[in-house]
């Protein structure tokens, strides 16, 4: 299992399988989630 937590809320833990994590990473790399940040400016 893969456990993911956010530094600001360490008591909240998301748990997933390696297969689901790999599918998520592949989706990120393929740009499947880019629409969530379209138009958002990032400070460099």
C-alpha atoms as a PDB file:
ATOM      1  CA  UNK A   1       0.000   0.000   0.000  1.00  0.00           C
ATOM      2  CA  UNK A   2       1.016   3.612  -0.581  1.00  0.00           C
ATOM      3  CA  UNK A   3       0.267   6.182   2.114  1.00  0.00           C
ATOM      4  CA  UNK A   4       0.090   9.871   1.199  1.00  0.00           C
ATOM      5  CA  UNK A   5      -0.283  12.774   3.578  1.00  0.00           C
ATOM      6  CA  UNK A   6      -0.142  16.539   3.420  1.00  0.00           C
ATOM      7  CA  UNK A   7       2.352  18.358   5.601  1.00  0.00           C
ATOM      8  CA  UNK A   8      -0.246  20.894   6.754  1.00  0.00           C
ATOM      9  CA  UNK A   9      -2.696  18.135   7.781  1.00  0.00           C
ATOM     10  CA  UNK A  10      -0.539  15.141   8.760  1.00  0.00           C
ATOM     11  CA  UNK A  11      -3.450  13.411  10.464  1.00  0.00           C
ATOM     12  CA  UNK A  12      -5.206  13.014   7.084  1.00  0.00           C
ATOM     13  CA  UNK A  13      -3.803  10.020   5.201  1.00  0.00           C
ATOM     14  CA  UNK A  14      -4.856   8.811   1.754  1.00  0.00           C
ATOM     15  CA  UNK A  15      -4.168   5.148   1.052  1.00  0.00           C
ATOM     16  CA  UNK A  16      -3.897   3.623  -2.408  1.00  0.00           C
ATOM     17  CA  UNK A  17      -2.417   0.645  -4.185  1.00  0.00           C
ATOM     18  CA  UNK A  18       0.755   0.746  -6.266  1.00  0.00           C
ATOM     19  CA  UNK A  19      -1.282  -0.001  -9.421  1.00  0.00           C
ATOM     20  CA  UNK A  20      -3.693   2.882  -8.808  1.00  0.00           C
ATOM     21  CA  UNK A  21      -0.812   5.240  -7.979  1.00  0.00           C
ATOM     22  CA  UNK A  22       0.962   4.302 -11.214  1.00  0.00           C
ATOM     23  CA  UNK A  23      -2.237   4.938 -13.199  1.00  0.00           C
ATOM     24  CA  UNK A  24      -2.563   8.351 -11.538  1.00  0.00           C
ATOM     25  CA  UNK A  25       1.063   9.251 -12.305  1.00  0.00           C
ATOM     26  CA  UNK A  26       0.631   8.212 -15.934  1.00  0.00           C
ATOM     27  CA  UNK A  27      -2.474  10.425 -16.145  1.00  0.00           C
ATOM     28  CA  UNK A  28      -0.586  13.394 -14.707  1.00  0.00           C
ATOM     29  CA  UNK A  29       2.265  12.902 -17.165  1.00  0.00           C
ATOM     30  CA  UNK A  30      -0.232  12.638 -20.037  1.00  0.00           C
ATOM     31  CA  UNK A  31      -1.847  15.957 -19.064  1.00  0.00           C
ATOM     32  CA  UNK A  32      -5.218  14.498 -18.071  1.00  0.00           C
ATOM     33  CA  UNK A  33      -5.539  16.893 -15.123  1.00  0.00           C
ATOM     34  CA  UNK A  34      -4.193  20.061 -16.727  1.00  0.00           C
ATOM     35  CA  UNK A  35      -7.691  21.507 -17.103  1.00  0.00           C
ATOM     36  CA  UNK A  36      -7.860  21.893 -13.303  1.00  0.00           C
ATOM     37  CA  UNK A  37      -5.120  24.538 -13.421  1.00  0.00           C
ATOM     38  CA  UNK A  38      -5.884  26.162 -16.778  1.00  0.00           C
ATOM     39  CA  UNK A  39      -5.553  29.917 -16.385  1.00  0.00           C
ATOM     40  CA  UNK A  40      -3.896  29.711 -12.971  1.00  0.00           C
ATOM     41  CA  UNK A  41      -0.745  31.784 -12.682  1.00  0.00           C
ATOM     42  CA  UNK A  42       2.249  30.254 -10.927  1.00  0.00           C
ATOM     43  CA  UNK A  43       4.853  32.365  -9.138  1.00  0.00           C
ATOM     44  CA  UNK A  44       8.291  31.413 -10.400  1.00  0.00           C
END
